[in-house]
PDB file of all heavy atoms in Angstrom:
ATOM      1  N   GLY A   1     -75.816  74.770 117.510  1.00  0.00           N
ATOM      2  CA  GLY A   1     -75.066  75.959 117.127  1.00  0.00           C
ATOM      3  C   GLY A   1     -74.682  76.810 118.320  1.00  0.00           C
ATOM      4  O   GLY A   1     -73.555  77.322 118.407  1.00  0.00           O
ATOM      5  N   LEU A   2     -75.597  76.950 119.254  1.00  0.00           N
ATOM      6  CA  LEU A   2     -75.328  77.746 120.453  1.00  0.00           C
ATOM      7  C   LEU A   2     -74.310  77.064 121.362  1.00  0.00           C
ATOM      8  O   LEU A   2     -73.464  77.721 121.972  1.00  0.00           O
ATOM      9  CB  LEU A   2     -76.635  78.004 121.204  1.00  0.00           C
ATOM     10  CG  LEU A   2     -77.596  78.982 120.507  1.00  0.00           C
ATOM     11  CD1 LEU A   2     -78.983  78.882 121.107  1.00  0.00           C
ATOM     12  CD2 LEU A   2     -77.070  80.418 120.628  1.00  0.00           C
ATOM     13  N   LEU A   3     -74.394  75.744 121.443  1.00  0.00           N
ATOM     14  CA  LEU A   3     -73.417  75.015 122.250  1.00  0.00           C
ATOM     15  C   LEU A   3     -72.018  75.130 121.650  1.00  0.00           C
ATOM     16  O   LEU A   3     -71.032  75.293 122.378  1.00  0.00           O
ATOM     17  CB  LEU A   3     -73.821  73.541 122.368  1.00  0.00           C
ATOM     18  CG  LEU A   3     -75.036  73.238 123.246  1.00  0.00           C
ATOM     19  CD1 LEU A   3     -75.366  71.752 123.193  1.00  0.00           C
ATOM     20  CD2 LEU A   3     -74.815  73.676 124.684  1.00  0.00           C
ATOM     21  N   LYS A   4     -71.942  75.050 120.329  1.00  0.00           N
ATOM     22  CA  LYS A   4     -70.639  75.186 119.669  1.00  0.00           C
ATOM     23  C   LYS A   4     -70.035  76.563 119.938  1.00  0.00           C
ATOM     24  O   LYS A   4     -68.817  76.711 120.072  1.00  0.00           O
ATOM     25  CB  LYS A   4     -70.793  74.960 118.167  1.00  0.00           C
ATOM     26  CG  LYS A   4     -69.476  74.944 117.417  1.00  0.00           C
ATOM     27  CD  LYS A   4     -69.673  74.599 115.948  1.00  0.00           C
ATOM     28  CE  LYS A   4     -68.331  74.568 115.219  1.00  0.00           C
ATOM     29  NZ  LYS A   4     -68.506  74.217 113.787  1.00  0.00           N
ATOM     30  N   ALA A   5     -70.911  77.576 120.040  1.00  0.00           N
ATOM     31  CA  ALA A   5     -70.447  78.940 120.324  1.00  0.00           C
ATOM     32  C   ALA A   5     -70.193  79.162 121.812  1.00  0.00           C
ATOM     33  O   ALA A   5     -69.798  80.251 122.224  1.00  0.00           O
ATOM     34  CB  ALA A   5     -71.471  79.944 119.806  1.00  0.00           C
ATOM     35  N   ARG A   6     -70.458  78.129 122.615  1.00  0.00           N
ATOM     36  CA  ARG A   6     -70.228  78.144 124.062  1.00  0.00           C
ATOM     37  C   ARG A   6     -71.220  79.023 124.833  1.00  0.00           C
ATOM     38  O   ARG A   6     -70.841  79.808 125.715  1.00  0.00           O
ATOM     39  CB  ARG A   6     -68.785  78.534 124.399  1.00  0.00           C
ATOM     40  CG  ARG A   6     -67.755  77.575 123.789  1.00  0.00           C
ATOM     41  CD  ARG A   6     -66.368  77.815 124.338  1.00  0.00           C
ATOM     42  NE  ARG A   6     -65.400  76.880 123.774  1.00  0.00           N
ATOM     43  CZ  ARG A   6     -65.226  75.615 124.181  1.00  0.00           C
ATOM     44  NH1 ARG A   6     -65.989  75.140 125.149  1.00  0.00           N
ATOM     45  NH2 ARG A   6     -64.326  74.839 123.613  1.00  0.00           N
ATOM     46  N   ALA A   7     -72.476  78.865 124.503  1.00  0.00           N
ATOM     47  CA  ALA A   7     -73.520  79.503 125.311  1.00  0.00           C
ATOM     48  C   ALA A   7     -73.486  78.905 126.710  1.00  0.00           C
ATOM     49  O   ALA A   7     -73.134  77.737 126.897  1.00  0.00           O
ATOM     50  CB  ALA A   7     -74.894  79.267 124.670  1.00  0.00           C
ATOM     51  N   ALA A   8     -73.859  79.705 127.697  1.00  0.00           N
ATOM     52  CA  ALA A   8     -73.788  79.267 129.097  1.00  0.00           C
ATOM     53  C   ALA A   8     -74.786  78.147 129.378  1.00  0.00           C
ATOM     54  O   ALA A   8     -75.988  78.304 129.160  1.00  0.00           O
ATOM     55  CB  ALA A   8     -74.062  80.446 130.019  1.00  0.00           C
ATOM     56  N   LEU A   9     -74.281  77.040 129.876  1.00  0.00           N
ATOM     57  CA  LEU A   9     -75.131  75.884 130.176  1.00  0.00           C
ATOM     58  C   LEU A   9     -75.926  76.071 131.465  1.00  0.00           C
ATOM     59  O   LEU A   9     -77.038  75.559 131.590  1.00  0.00           O
ATOM     60  CB  LEU A   9     -74.276  74.625 130.306  1.00  0.00           C
ATOM     61  CG  LEU A   9     -73.666  74.068 129.027  1.00  0.00           C
ATOM     62  CD1 LEU A   9     -72.630  73.003 129.367  1.00  0.00           C
ATOM     63  CD2 LEU A   9     -74.751  73.485 128.134  1.00  0.00           C
ATOM     64  N   GLU A  10     -75.358  76.790 132.423  1.00  0.00           N
ATOM     65  CA  GLU A  10     -75.968  76.859 133.751  1.00  0.00           C
ATOM     66  C   GLU A  10     -76.710  78.159 134.037  1.00  0.00           C
ATOM     67  O   GLU A  10     -77.071  78.424 135.194  1.00  0.00           O
ATOM     68  CB  GLU A  10     -74.903  76.622 134.826  1.00  0.00           C
ATOM     69  CG  GLU A  10     -74.107  75.335 134.656  1.00  0.00           C
ATOM     70  CD  GLU A  10     -74.972  74.086 134.503  1.00  0.00           C
ATOM     71  OE1 GLU A  10     -76.085  74.054 135.069  1.00  0.00           O
ATOM     72  OE2 GLU A  10     -74.530  73.151 133.817  1.00  0.00           O
ATOM     73  N   ALA A  11     -76.929  78.982 133.011  1.00  0.00           N
ATOM     74  CA  ALA A  11     -77.764  80.176 133.215  1.00  0.00           C
ATOM     75  C   ALA A  11     -79.140  79.730 133.689  1.00  0.00           C
ATOM     76  O   ALA A  11     -79.625  78.664 133.302  1.00  0.00           O
ATOM     77  CB  ALA A  11     -77.871  80.959 131.907  1.00  0.00           C
ATOM     78  N   GLN A  12     -79.771  80.547 134.535  1.00  0.00           N
ATOM     79  CA  GLN A  12     -81.077  80.181 135.098  1.00  0.00           C
ATOM     80  C   GLN A  12     -82.113  81.252 134.788  1.00  0.00           C
ATOM     81  O   GLN A  12     -81.810  82.450 134.803  1.00  0.00           O
ATOM     82  CB  GLN A  12     -80.962  79.996 136.611  1.00  0.00           C
ATOM     83  CG  GLN A  12     -80.089  78.807 137.008  1.00  0.00           C
ATOM     84  CD  GLN A  12     -79.932  78.685 138.515  1.00  0.00           C
ATOM     85  OE1 GLN A  12     -79.355  79.552 139.157  1.00  0.00           O
ATOM     86  NE2 GLN A  12     -80.447  77.602 139.074  1.00  0.00           N
ATOM     87  N   ASP A  13     -83.331  80.811 134.534  1.00  0.00           N
ATOM     88  CA  ASP A  13     -84.416  81.750 134.262  1.00  0.00           C
ATOM     89  C   ASP A  13     -85.018  82.249 135.571  1.00  0.00           C
ATOM     90  O   ASP A  13     -84.472  82.018 136.656  1.00  0.00           O
ATOM     91  CB  ASP A  13     -85.463  81.117 133.346  1.00  0.00           C
ATOM     92  CG  ASP A  13     -86.227  79.961 134.007  1.00  0.00           C
ATOM     93  OD1 ASP A  13     -86.083  79.748 135.231  1.00  0.00           O
ATOM     94  OD2 ASP A  13     -86.973  79.273 133.288  1.00  0.00           O
ATOM     95  N   ALA A  14     -86.142  82.924 135.493  1.00  0.00           N
ATOM     96  CA  ALA A  14     -86.754  83.512 136.680  1.00  0.00           C
ATOM     97  C   ALA A  14     -87.172  82.467 137.712  1.00  0.00           C
ATOM     98  O   ALA A  14     -87.313  82.762 138.903  1.00  0.00           O
ATOM     99  CB  ALA A  14     -87.959  84.361 136.276  1.00  0.00           C
ATOM    100  N   ASP A  15     -87.373  81.227 137.260  1.00  0.00           N
ATOM    101  CA  ASP A  15     -87.739  80.132 138.170  1.00  0.00           C
ATOM    102  C   ASP A  15     -86.524  79.327 138.602  1.00  0.00           C
ATOM    103  O   ASP A  15     -86.662  78.292 139.262  1.00  0.00           O
ATOM    104  CB  ASP A  15     -88.750  79.194 137.496  1.00  0.00           C
ATOM    105  CG  ASP A  15     -90.080  79.884 137.235  1.00  0.00           C
ATOM    106  OD1 ASP A  15     -90.551  80.603 138.139  1.00  0.00           O
ATOM    107  OD2 ASP A  15     -90.637  79.715 136.141  1.00  0.00           O
ATOM    108  N   GLY A  16     -85.347  79.808 138.208  1.00  0.00           N
ATOM    109  CA  GLY A  16     -84.123  79.108 138.575  1.00  0.00           C
ATOM    110  C   GLY A  16     -83.851  77.880 137.732  1.00  0.00           C
ATOM    111  O   GLY A  16     -83.038  77.031 138.101  1.00  0.00           O
ATOM    112  N   GLU A  17     -84.525  77.768 136.587  1.00  0.00           N
ATOM    113  CA  GLU A  17     -84.352  76.578 135.758  1.00  0.00           C
ATOM    114  C   GLU A  17     -83.306  76.791 134.666  1.00  0.00           C
ATOM    115  O   GLU A  17     -83.215  77.876 134.080  1.00  0.00           O
ATOM    116  CB  GLU A  17     -85.695  76.153 135.158  1.00  0.00           C
ATOM    117  CG  GLU A  17     -86.698  75.779 136.226  1.00  0.00           C
ATOM    118  CD  GLU A  17     -87.877  74.983 135.716  1.00  0.00           C
ATOM    119  OE1 GLU A  17     -88.038  74.866 134.481  1.00  0.00           O
ATOM    120  OE2 GLU A  17     -88.650  74.493 136.557  1.00  0.00           O
ATOM    121  N   THR A  18     -82.543  75.766 134.415  1.00  0.00           N
ATOM    122  CA  THR A  18     -81.507  75.789 133.387  1.00  0.00           C
ATOM    123  C   THR A  18     -82.079  75.248 132.071  1.00  0.00           C
ATOM    124  O   THR A  18     -83.195  74.720 132.028  1.00  0.00           O
ATOM    125  CB  THR A  18     -80.323  74.919 133.806  1.00  0.00           C
ATOM    126  OG1 THR A  18     -80.767  73.541 133.903  1.00  0.00           O
ATOM    127  CG2 THR A  18     -79.747  75.371 135.140  1.00  0.00           C
ATOM    128  N   ALA A  19     -81.273  75.343 131.017  1.00  0.00           N
ATOM    129  CA  ALA A  19     -81.703  74.812 129.717  1.00  0.00           C
ATOM    130  C   ALA A  19     -81.999  73.318 129.820  1.00  0.00           C
ATOM    131  O   ALA A  19     -82.951  72.820 129.214  1.00  0.00           O
ATOM    132  CB  ALA A  19     -80.637  75.080 128.668  1.00  0.00           C
ATOM    133  N   LEU A  20     -81.195  72.586 130.590  1.00  0.00           N
ATOM    134  CA  LEU A  20     -81.420  71.151 130.754  1.00  0.00           C
ATOM    135  C   LEU A  20     -82.751  70.876 131.442  1.00  0.00           C
ATOM    136  O   LEU A  20     -83.505  69.986 131.031  1.00  0.00           O
ATOM    137  CB  LEU A  20     -80.265  70.524 131.543  1.00  0.00           C
ATOM    138  CG  LEU A  20     -80.386  69.032 131.840  1.00  0.00           C
ATOM    139  CD1 LEU A  20     -80.517  68.218 130.561  1.00  0.00           C
ATOM    140  CD2 LEU A  20     -79.188  68.556 132.668  1.00  0.00           C
ATOM    141  N   MET A  21     -83.062  71.626 132.483  1.00  0.00           N
ATOM    142  CA  MET A  21     -84.343  71.456 133.173  1.00  0.00           C
ATOM    143  C   MET A  21     -85.506  71.726 132.233  1.00  0.00           C
ATOM    144  O   MET A  21     -86.505  70.993 132.211  1.00  0.00           O
ATOM    145  CB  MET A  21     -84.416  72.398 134.378  1.00  0.00           C
ATOM    146  CG  MET A  21     -83.456  72.080 135.499  1.00  0.00           C
ATOM    147  SD  MET A  21     -83.616  73.322 136.825  1.00  0.00           S
ATOM    148  CE  MET A  21     -82.307  72.798 137.928  1.00  0.00           C
ATOM    149  N   ILE A  22     -85.372  72.776 131.455  1.00  0.00           N
ATOM    150  CA  ILE A  22     -86.444  73.152 130.532  1.00  0.00           C
ATOM    151  C   ILE A  22     -86.634  72.075 129.471  1.00  0.00           C
ATOM    152  O   ILE A  22     -87.770  71.685 129.152  1.00  0.00           O
ATOM    153  CB  ILE A  22     -86.132  74.520 129.891  1.00  0.00           C
ATOM    154  CG1 ILE A  22     -86.213  75.620 130.957  1.00  0.00           C
ATOM    155  CG2 ILE A  22     -87.075  74.818 128.732  1.00  0.00           C
ATOM    156  CD1 ILE A  22     -85.632  76.953 130.532  1.00  0.00           C
ATOM    157  N   ALA A  23     -85.543  71.567 128.930  1.00  0.00           N
ATOM    158  CA  ALA A  23     -85.634  70.503 127.924  1.00  0.00           C
ATOM    159  C   ALA A  23     -86.313  69.271 128.516  1.00  0.00           C
ATOM    160  O   ALA A  23     -87.163  68.643 127.871  1.00  0.00           O
ATOM    161  CB  ALA A  23     -84.246  70.142 127.410  1.00  0.00           C
ATOM    162  N   ALA A  24     -85.949  68.931 129.744  1.00  0.00           N
ATOM    163  CA  ALA A  24     -86.508  67.742 130.386  1.00  0.00           C
ATOM    164  C   ALA A  24     -88.004  67.873 130.617  1.00  0.00           C
ATOM    165  O   ALA A  24     -88.776  66.939 130.362  1.00  0.00           O
ATOM    166  CB  ALA A  24     -85.794  67.482 131.705  1.00  0.00           C
TER     167      ALA A  24
END
């Protein structure tokens, strides 16, 4: 749902990690 709404893919958390890194 968030991807369909175009949530930012490359946003980074305090450790510099993206959603993809976190999922992995």
